């Protein structure tokens, strides 16, 4: 099942549903922790990822539904354009307390918003 085959929301949901049906038994496997006696999903990260996709489906295609908002379909501009310089600023000032770092981030984001 190729989830990248279409950018259409309907195709994506159909492929996700098909993938789940094929792999459901694998996803619901549980492992018993002998120390605590508690069961947990054997493939917890995969279950979490699937649930996250399911929960966030209404928002995944927002950039296509509201083209007038000019929403990017990736976070690349945030990672390289906003967060990277901000992280560098914080790294330069290593001795700052957590509260001062938070103030620095807040100030940076407020100034960036005004541009």
N, C-alpha and C. Protein backbone atom coordinates (compact mmCIF):
# COMPACT_ATOMS: atom_id res chain seq x y z
N UNK A 1 0.84 -1.18 0.00
CA UNK A 1 0.00 0.00 0.00
C UNK A 1 0.89 1.24 0.00
N UNK A 2 0.77 2.07 -1.00
CA UNK A 2 1.60 3.27 -1.11
C UNK A 2 0.81 4.49 -0.67
N UNK A 3 1.10 4.98 0.53
CA UNK A 3 0.39 6.14 1.05
C UNK A 3 0.78 7.42 0.34
N UNK A 4 1.86 7.39 -0.43
CA UNK A 4 2.31 8.58 -1.15
C UNK A 4 1.71 8.66 -2.55
N UNK A 5 0.89 7.68 -2.93
CA UNK A 5 0.39 7.61 -4.29
C UNK A 5 -0.52 8.78 -4.66
N UNK A 6 -1.14 9.41 -3.69
CA UNK A 6 -2.01 10.54 -4.01
C UNK A 6 -1.94 11.60 -2.94
N UNK A 7 -2.20 12.83 -3.32
CA UNK A 7 -2.22 13.89 -2.34
C UNK A 7 -3.65 14.22 -1.96
N UNK A 8 -4.57 13.51 -2.53
CA UNK A 8 -5.98 13.72 -2.28
C UNK A 8 -6.35 13.16 -0.91
N UNK A 9 -7.10 13.92 -0.15
CA UNK A 9 -7.49 13.48 1.20
C UNK A 9 -8.27 12.17 1.18
N UNK A 10 -9.18 12.03 0.26
CA UNK A 10 -10.00 10.82 0.17
C UNK A 10 -9.13 9.59 -0.10
N UNK A 11 -8.17 9.73 -1.01
CA UNK A 11 -7.26 8.62 -1.32
C UNK A 11 -6.41 8.28 -0.10
N UNK A 12 -5.93 9.30 0.59
CA UNK A 12 -5.10 9.07 1.77
C UNK A 12 -5.88 8.30 2.84
N UNK A 13 -7.10 8.73 3.12
CA UNK A 13 -7.93 8.07 4.13
C UNK A 13 -8.23 6.64 3.72
N UNK A 14 -8.54 6.44 2.45
CA UNK A 14 -8.83 5.08 1.95
C UNK A 14 -7.60 4.18 2.13
N UNK A 15 -6.44 4.69 1.77
CA UNK A 15 -5.20 3.91 1.92
C UNK A 15 -4.86 3.64 3.38
N UNK A 16 -5.10 4.62 4.25
CA UNK A 16 -4.85 4.45 5.68
C UNK A 16 -5.78 3.38 6.25
N UNK A 17 -7.04 3.42 5.86
CA UNK A 17 -8.01 2.42 6.32
C UNK A 17 -7.62 1.02 5.83
N UNK A 18 -7.20 0.93 4.59
CA UNK A 18 -6.78 -0.36 4.02
C UNK A 18 -5.55 -0.88 4.76
N UNK A 19 -4.59 -0.01 5.00
CA UNK A 19 -3.38 -0.39 5.72
C UNK A 19 -3.74 -0.92 7.11
N UNK A 20 -4.65 -0.22 7.80
CA UNK A 20 -5.05 -0.65 9.14
C UNK A 20 -5.70 -2.03 9.10
N UNK A 21 -6.59 -2.25 8.13
CA UNK A 21 -7.25 -3.56 8.03
C UNK A 21 -6.23 -4.68 7.82
N UNK A 22 -5.24 -4.42 7.00
CA UNK A 22 -4.21 -5.42 6.72
C UNK A 22 -3.35 -5.71 7.96
N UNK A 23 -3.04 -4.68 8.72
CA UNK A 23 -2.08 -4.80 9.83
C UNK A 23 -2.71 -4.77 11.22
N UNK A 24 -4.03 -4.82 11.30
CA UNK A 24 -4.72 -4.70 12.58
C UNK A 24 -4.22 -5.70 13.62
N UNK A 25 -4.10 -6.96 13.24
CA UNK A 25 -3.66 -7.99 14.20
C UNK A 25 -2.27 -7.70 14.73
N UNK A 26 -1.41 -7.18 13.88
CA UNK A 26 -0.05 -6.82 14.30
C UNK A 26 -0.10 -5.66 15.29
N UNK A 27 -0.95 -4.66 15.00
CA UNK A 27 -1.03 -3.47 15.84
C UNK A 27 -1.60 -3.75 17.23
N UNK A 28 -2.50 -4.71 17.34
CA UNK A 28 -3.13 -4.96 18.64
C UNK A 28 -2.36 -5.97 19.50
N UNK A 29 -1.21 -6.45 18.99
CA UNK A 29 -0.40 -7.37 19.80
C UNK A 29 0.02 -6.69 21.10
N UNK A 30 -0.04 -7.45 22.18
CA UNK A 30 0.35 -6.90 23.48
C UNK A 30 1.45 -7.76 24.09
N UNK A 31 2.25 -7.12 24.93
CA UNK A 31 3.33 -7.78 25.64
C UNK A 31 3.10 -7.61 27.13
N UNK A 32 3.32 -8.67 27.87
CA UNK A 32 3.15 -8.65 29.32
C UNK A 32 4.47 -8.30 29.98
N UNK A 33 4.46 -7.26 30.81
CA UNK A 33 5.64 -6.91 31.60
C UNK A 33 5.61 -7.81 32.84
N UNK A 34 6.57 -8.71 32.93
CA UNK A 34 6.58 -9.69 34.01
C UNK A 34 6.80 -9.05 35.38
N UNK A 35 7.47 -7.91 35.42
CA UNK A 35 7.71 -7.24 36.70
C UNK A 35 6.46 -6.58 37.26
N UNK A 36 5.70 -5.91 36.38
CA UNK A 36 4.53 -5.17 36.84
C UNK A 36 3.23 -5.94 36.63
N UNK A 37 3.26 -6.92 35.74
CA UNK A 37 2.04 -7.67 35.43
C UNK A 37 1.11 -6.91 34.49
N UNK A 38 1.58 -5.78 33.95
CA UNK A 38 0.74 -4.96 33.05
C UNK A 38 1.04 -5.29 31.60
N UNK A 39 -0.01 -5.20 30.79
CA UNK A 39 0.14 -5.40 29.36
C UNK A 39 0.27 -4.04 28.68
N UNK A 40 1.05 -4.02 27.62
CA UNK A 40 1.14 -2.82 26.80
C UNK A 40 1.30 -3.25 25.35
N UNK A 41 1.01 -2.34 24.44
CA UNK A 41 1.14 -2.66 23.03
C UNK A 41 2.59 -3.01 22.70
N UNK A 42 2.78 -4.11 22.00
CA UNK A 42 4.11 -4.54 21.60
C UNK A 42 4.74 -3.52 20.66
N UNK A 43 3.94 -2.95 19.80
CA UNK A 43 4.42 -1.99 18.81
C UNK A 43 3.83 -0.61 19.13
N UNK A 44 4.10 -0.15 20.35
CA UNK A 44 3.48 1.07 20.88
C UNK A 44 3.71 2.30 20.00
N UNK A 45 4.91 2.45 19.48
CA UNK A 45 5.20 3.64 18.67
C UNK A 45 4.39 3.64 17.37
N UNK A 46 4.23 2.48 16.79
CA UNK A 46 3.44 2.36 15.56
C UNK A 46 1.96 2.62 15.85
N UNK A 47 1.46 2.08 16.95
CA UNK A 47 0.07 2.32 17.36
C UNK A 47 -0.13 3.81 17.61
N UNK A 48 0.81 4.43 18.28
CA UNK A 48 0.73 5.86 18.57
C UNK A 48 0.72 6.69 17.29
N UNK A 49 1.56 6.32 16.34
CA UNK A 49 1.62 7.03 15.06
C UNK A 49 0.30 6.90 14.31
N UNK A 50 -0.24 5.69 14.27
CA UNK A 50 -1.52 5.48 13.58
C UNK A 50 -2.62 6.31 14.26
N UNK A 51 -2.68 6.27 15.57
CA UNK A 51 -3.70 7.03 16.30
C UNK A 51 -3.55 8.53 16.07
N UNK A 52 -2.31 8.99 16.01
CA UNK A 52 -2.06 10.40 15.75
C UNK A 52 -2.57 10.80 14.36
N UNK A 53 -2.30 9.96 13.37
CA UNK A 53 -2.82 10.23 12.02
C UNK A 53 -4.33 10.29 12.04
N UNK A 54 -4.95 9.31 12.67
CA UNK A 54 -6.42 9.24 12.75
C UNK A 54 -6.98 10.48 13.44
N UNK A 55 -6.39 10.85 14.57
CA UNK A 55 -6.88 11.99 15.35
C UNK A 55 -6.73 13.30 14.58
N UNK A 56 -5.62 13.43 13.85
CA UNK A 56 -5.32 14.70 13.19
C UNK A 56 -5.75 14.77 11.73
N UNK A 57 -6.47 13.76 11.26
CA UNK A 57 -6.93 13.76 9.86
C UNK A 57 -7.66 15.04 9.46
N UNK A 58 -8.51 15.60 10.33
CA UNK A 58 -9.21 16.82 9.91
C UNK A 58 -8.27 17.99 9.60
N UNK A 59 -7.04 17.93 10.11
CA UNK A 59 -6.11 19.05 9.94
C UNK A 59 -5.02 18.79 8.91
N UNK A 60 -4.84 17.55 8.50
CA UNK A 60 -3.72 17.21 7.63
C UNK A 60 -3.79 17.87 6.25
N UNK A 61 -4.98 18.14 5.77
CA UNK A 61 -5.12 18.71 4.44
C UNK A 61 -5.64 20.15 4.48
N UNK A 62 -5.44 20.81 5.60
CA UNK A 62 -5.89 22.20 5.76
C UNK A 62 -5.27 23.09 4.71
N UNK A 63 -4.00 22.86 4.39
CA UNK A 63 -3.31 23.70 3.41
C UNK A 63 -3.96 23.61 2.03
N UNK A 64 -4.69 22.51 1.75
CA UNK A 64 -5.37 22.38 0.46
C UNK A 64 -6.79 22.95 0.52
N UNK A 65 -7.43 22.79 1.68
CA UNK A 65 -8.81 23.25 1.81
C UNK A 65 -8.91 24.77 1.87
N UNK A 66 -7.89 25.42 2.39
CA UNK A 66 -7.90 26.87 2.57
C UNK A 66 -6.70 27.49 1.86
N UNK A 67 -6.69 27.36 0.55
CA UNK A 67 -5.55 27.85 -0.25
C UNK A 67 -5.34 29.35 -0.10
N UNK A 68 -6.39 30.10 0.18
CA UNK A 68 -6.28 31.55 0.33
C UNK A 68 -5.42 31.93 1.54
N UNK A 69 -5.22 31.01 2.48
CA UNK A 69 -4.39 31.29 3.65
C UNK A 69 -2.90 31.09 3.37
N UNK A 70 -2.56 30.53 2.23
CA UNK A 70 -1.18 30.27 1.81
C UNK A 70 -0.42 29.54 2.92
N UNK A 71 -0.92 28.39 3.29
CA UNK A 71 -0.29 27.55 4.32
C UNK A 71 0.66 26.60 3.62
N UNK A 72 1.88 26.51 4.11
CA UNK A 72 2.86 25.60 3.53
C UNK A 72 2.48 24.16 3.87
N UNK A 73 2.83 23.23 3.00
CA UNK A 73 2.50 21.82 3.25
C UNK A 73 3.60 21.10 4.03
N UNK A 74 4.66 21.80 4.39
CA UNK A 74 5.71 21.23 5.25
C UNK A 74 6.08 22.25 6.32
N UNK A 75 6.89 21.81 7.28
CA UNK A 75 7.37 22.74 8.32
C UNK A 75 8.79 23.22 8.03
N UNK A 76 9.26 23.02 6.81
CA UNK A 76 10.64 23.39 6.47
C UNK A 76 10.95 24.85 6.74
N UNK A 77 10.02 25.74 6.40
CA UNK A 77 10.29 27.16 6.60
C UNK A 77 10.38 27.50 8.09
N UNK A 78 9.62 26.80 8.91
CA UNK A 78 9.73 27.01 10.36
C UNK A 78 11.05 26.50 10.89
N UNK A 79 11.40 25.28 10.49
CA UNK A 79 12.62 24.66 11.00
C UNK A 79 13.86 25.45 10.63
N UNK A 80 13.95 25.89 9.39
CA UNK A 80 15.14 26.59 8.93
C UNK A 80 15.06 28.09 9.10
N UNK A 81 13.86 28.65 9.01
CA UNK A 81 13.72 30.09 9.00
C UNK A 81 13.45 30.72 10.36
N UNK A 82 12.80 30.00 11.25
CA UNK A 82 12.45 30.58 12.55
C UNK A 82 13.22 29.89 13.67
N UNK A 83 13.10 28.59 13.76
CA UNK A 83 13.66 27.88 14.90
C UNK A 83 15.18 27.79 14.88
N UNK A 84 15.78 27.65 13.71
CA UNK A 84 17.23 27.50 13.63
C UNK A 84 17.97 28.72 14.19
N UNK A 85 17.65 29.94 13.74
CA UNK A 85 18.34 31.11 14.30
C UNK A 85 18.05 31.29 15.79
N UNK A 86 16.81 30.96 16.20
CA UNK A 86 16.45 31.10 17.61
C UNK A 86 17.27 30.12 18.46
N UNK A 87 17.41 28.89 17.99
CA UNK A 87 18.20 27.90 18.75
C UNK A 87 19.66 28.33 18.84
N UNK A 88 20.16 28.96 17.78
CA UNK A 88 21.54 29.43 17.79
C UNK A 88 21.72 30.53 18.83
N UNK A 89 20.75 31.43 18.92
CA UNK A 89 20.81 32.50 19.92
C UNK A 89 20.85 31.93 21.34
N UNK A 90 20.02 30.95 21.59
CA UNK A 90 19.98 30.34 22.92
C UNK A 90 21.28 29.61 23.22
N UNK A 91 21.83 28.95 22.22
CA UNK A 91 23.06 28.18 22.41
C UNK A 91 24.24 29.11 22.75
N UNK A 92 24.25 30.30 22.14
CA UNK A 92 25.32 31.27 22.38
C UNK A 92 25.33 31.69 23.86
N UNK A 93 24.15 31.82 24.44
CA UNK A 93 24.02 32.27 25.82
C UNK A 93 23.79 31.07 26.74
N UNK A 94 24.80 30.22 26.86
CA UNK A 94 24.67 28.96 27.60
C UNK A 94 24.29 29.11 29.07
N UNK A 95 24.72 30.16 29.73
CA UNK A 95 24.53 30.28 31.17
C UNK A 95 23.16 30.78 31.61
N UNK A 96 22.26 31.00 30.66
CA UNK A 96 20.95 31.55 31.02
C UNK A 96 20.10 30.53 31.76
N UNK A 97 19.31 31.02 32.71
CA UNK A 97 18.37 30.14 33.41
C UNK A 97 17.23 29.80 32.46
N UNK A 98 16.45 28.80 32.82
CA UNK A 98 15.34 28.37 31.98
C UNK A 98 14.35 29.51 31.77
N UNK A 99 14.06 30.27 32.82
CA UNK A 99 13.08 31.36 32.70
C UNK A 99 13.59 32.45 31.74
N UNK A 100 14.88 32.74 31.79
CA UNK A 100 15.43 33.74 30.86
C UNK A 100 15.42 33.23 29.42
N UNK A 101 15.69 31.93 29.26
CA UNK A 101 15.62 31.34 27.91
C UNK A 101 14.21 31.44 27.35
N UNK A 102 13.21 31.16 28.20
CA UNK A 102 11.82 31.25 27.76
C UNK A 102 11.45 32.68 27.38
N UNK A 103 11.94 33.66 28.15
CA UNK A 103 11.70 35.06 27.81
C UNK A 103 12.36 35.41 26.48
N UNK A 104 13.54 34.87 26.26
CA UNK A 104 14.26 35.12 25.02
C UNK A 104 13.48 34.56 23.82
N UNK A 105 12.97 33.34 23.98
CA UNK A 105 12.18 32.72 22.91
C UNK A 105 10.92 33.54 22.65
N UNK A 106 10.24 33.93 23.71
CA UNK A 106 9.02 34.72 23.58
C UNK A 106 9.30 36.03 22.84
N UNK A 107 10.35 36.72 23.25
CA UNK A 107 10.73 37.97 22.61
C UNK A 107 11.07 37.76 21.14
N UNK A 108 11.80 36.71 20.85
CA UNK A 108 12.19 36.40 19.47
C UNK A 108 10.96 36.17 18.60
N UNK A 109 10.01 35.39 19.11
CA UNK A 109 8.82 35.07 18.33
C UNK A 109 7.93 36.29 18.14
N UNK A 110 7.84 37.15 19.16
CA UNK A 110 7.04 38.37 19.05
C UNK A 110 7.66 39.29 17.99
N UNK A 111 8.98 39.45 18.03
CA UNK A 111 9.66 40.31 17.03
C UNK A 111 9.53 39.71 15.64
N UNK A 112 9.60 38.38 15.51
CA UNK A 112 9.51 37.73 14.21
C UNK A 112 8.11 37.92 13.62
N UNK A 113 7.09 37.94 14.48
CA UNK A 113 5.71 38.09 14.04
C UNK A 113 5.47 39.49 13.45
N UNK A 114 6.21 40.48 13.96
CA UNK A 114 6.02 41.86 13.51
C UNK A 114 6.63 42.13 12.14
N UNK A 115 7.49 41.23 11.66
CA UNK A 115 8.15 41.44 10.37
C UNK A 115 7.17 41.37 9.23
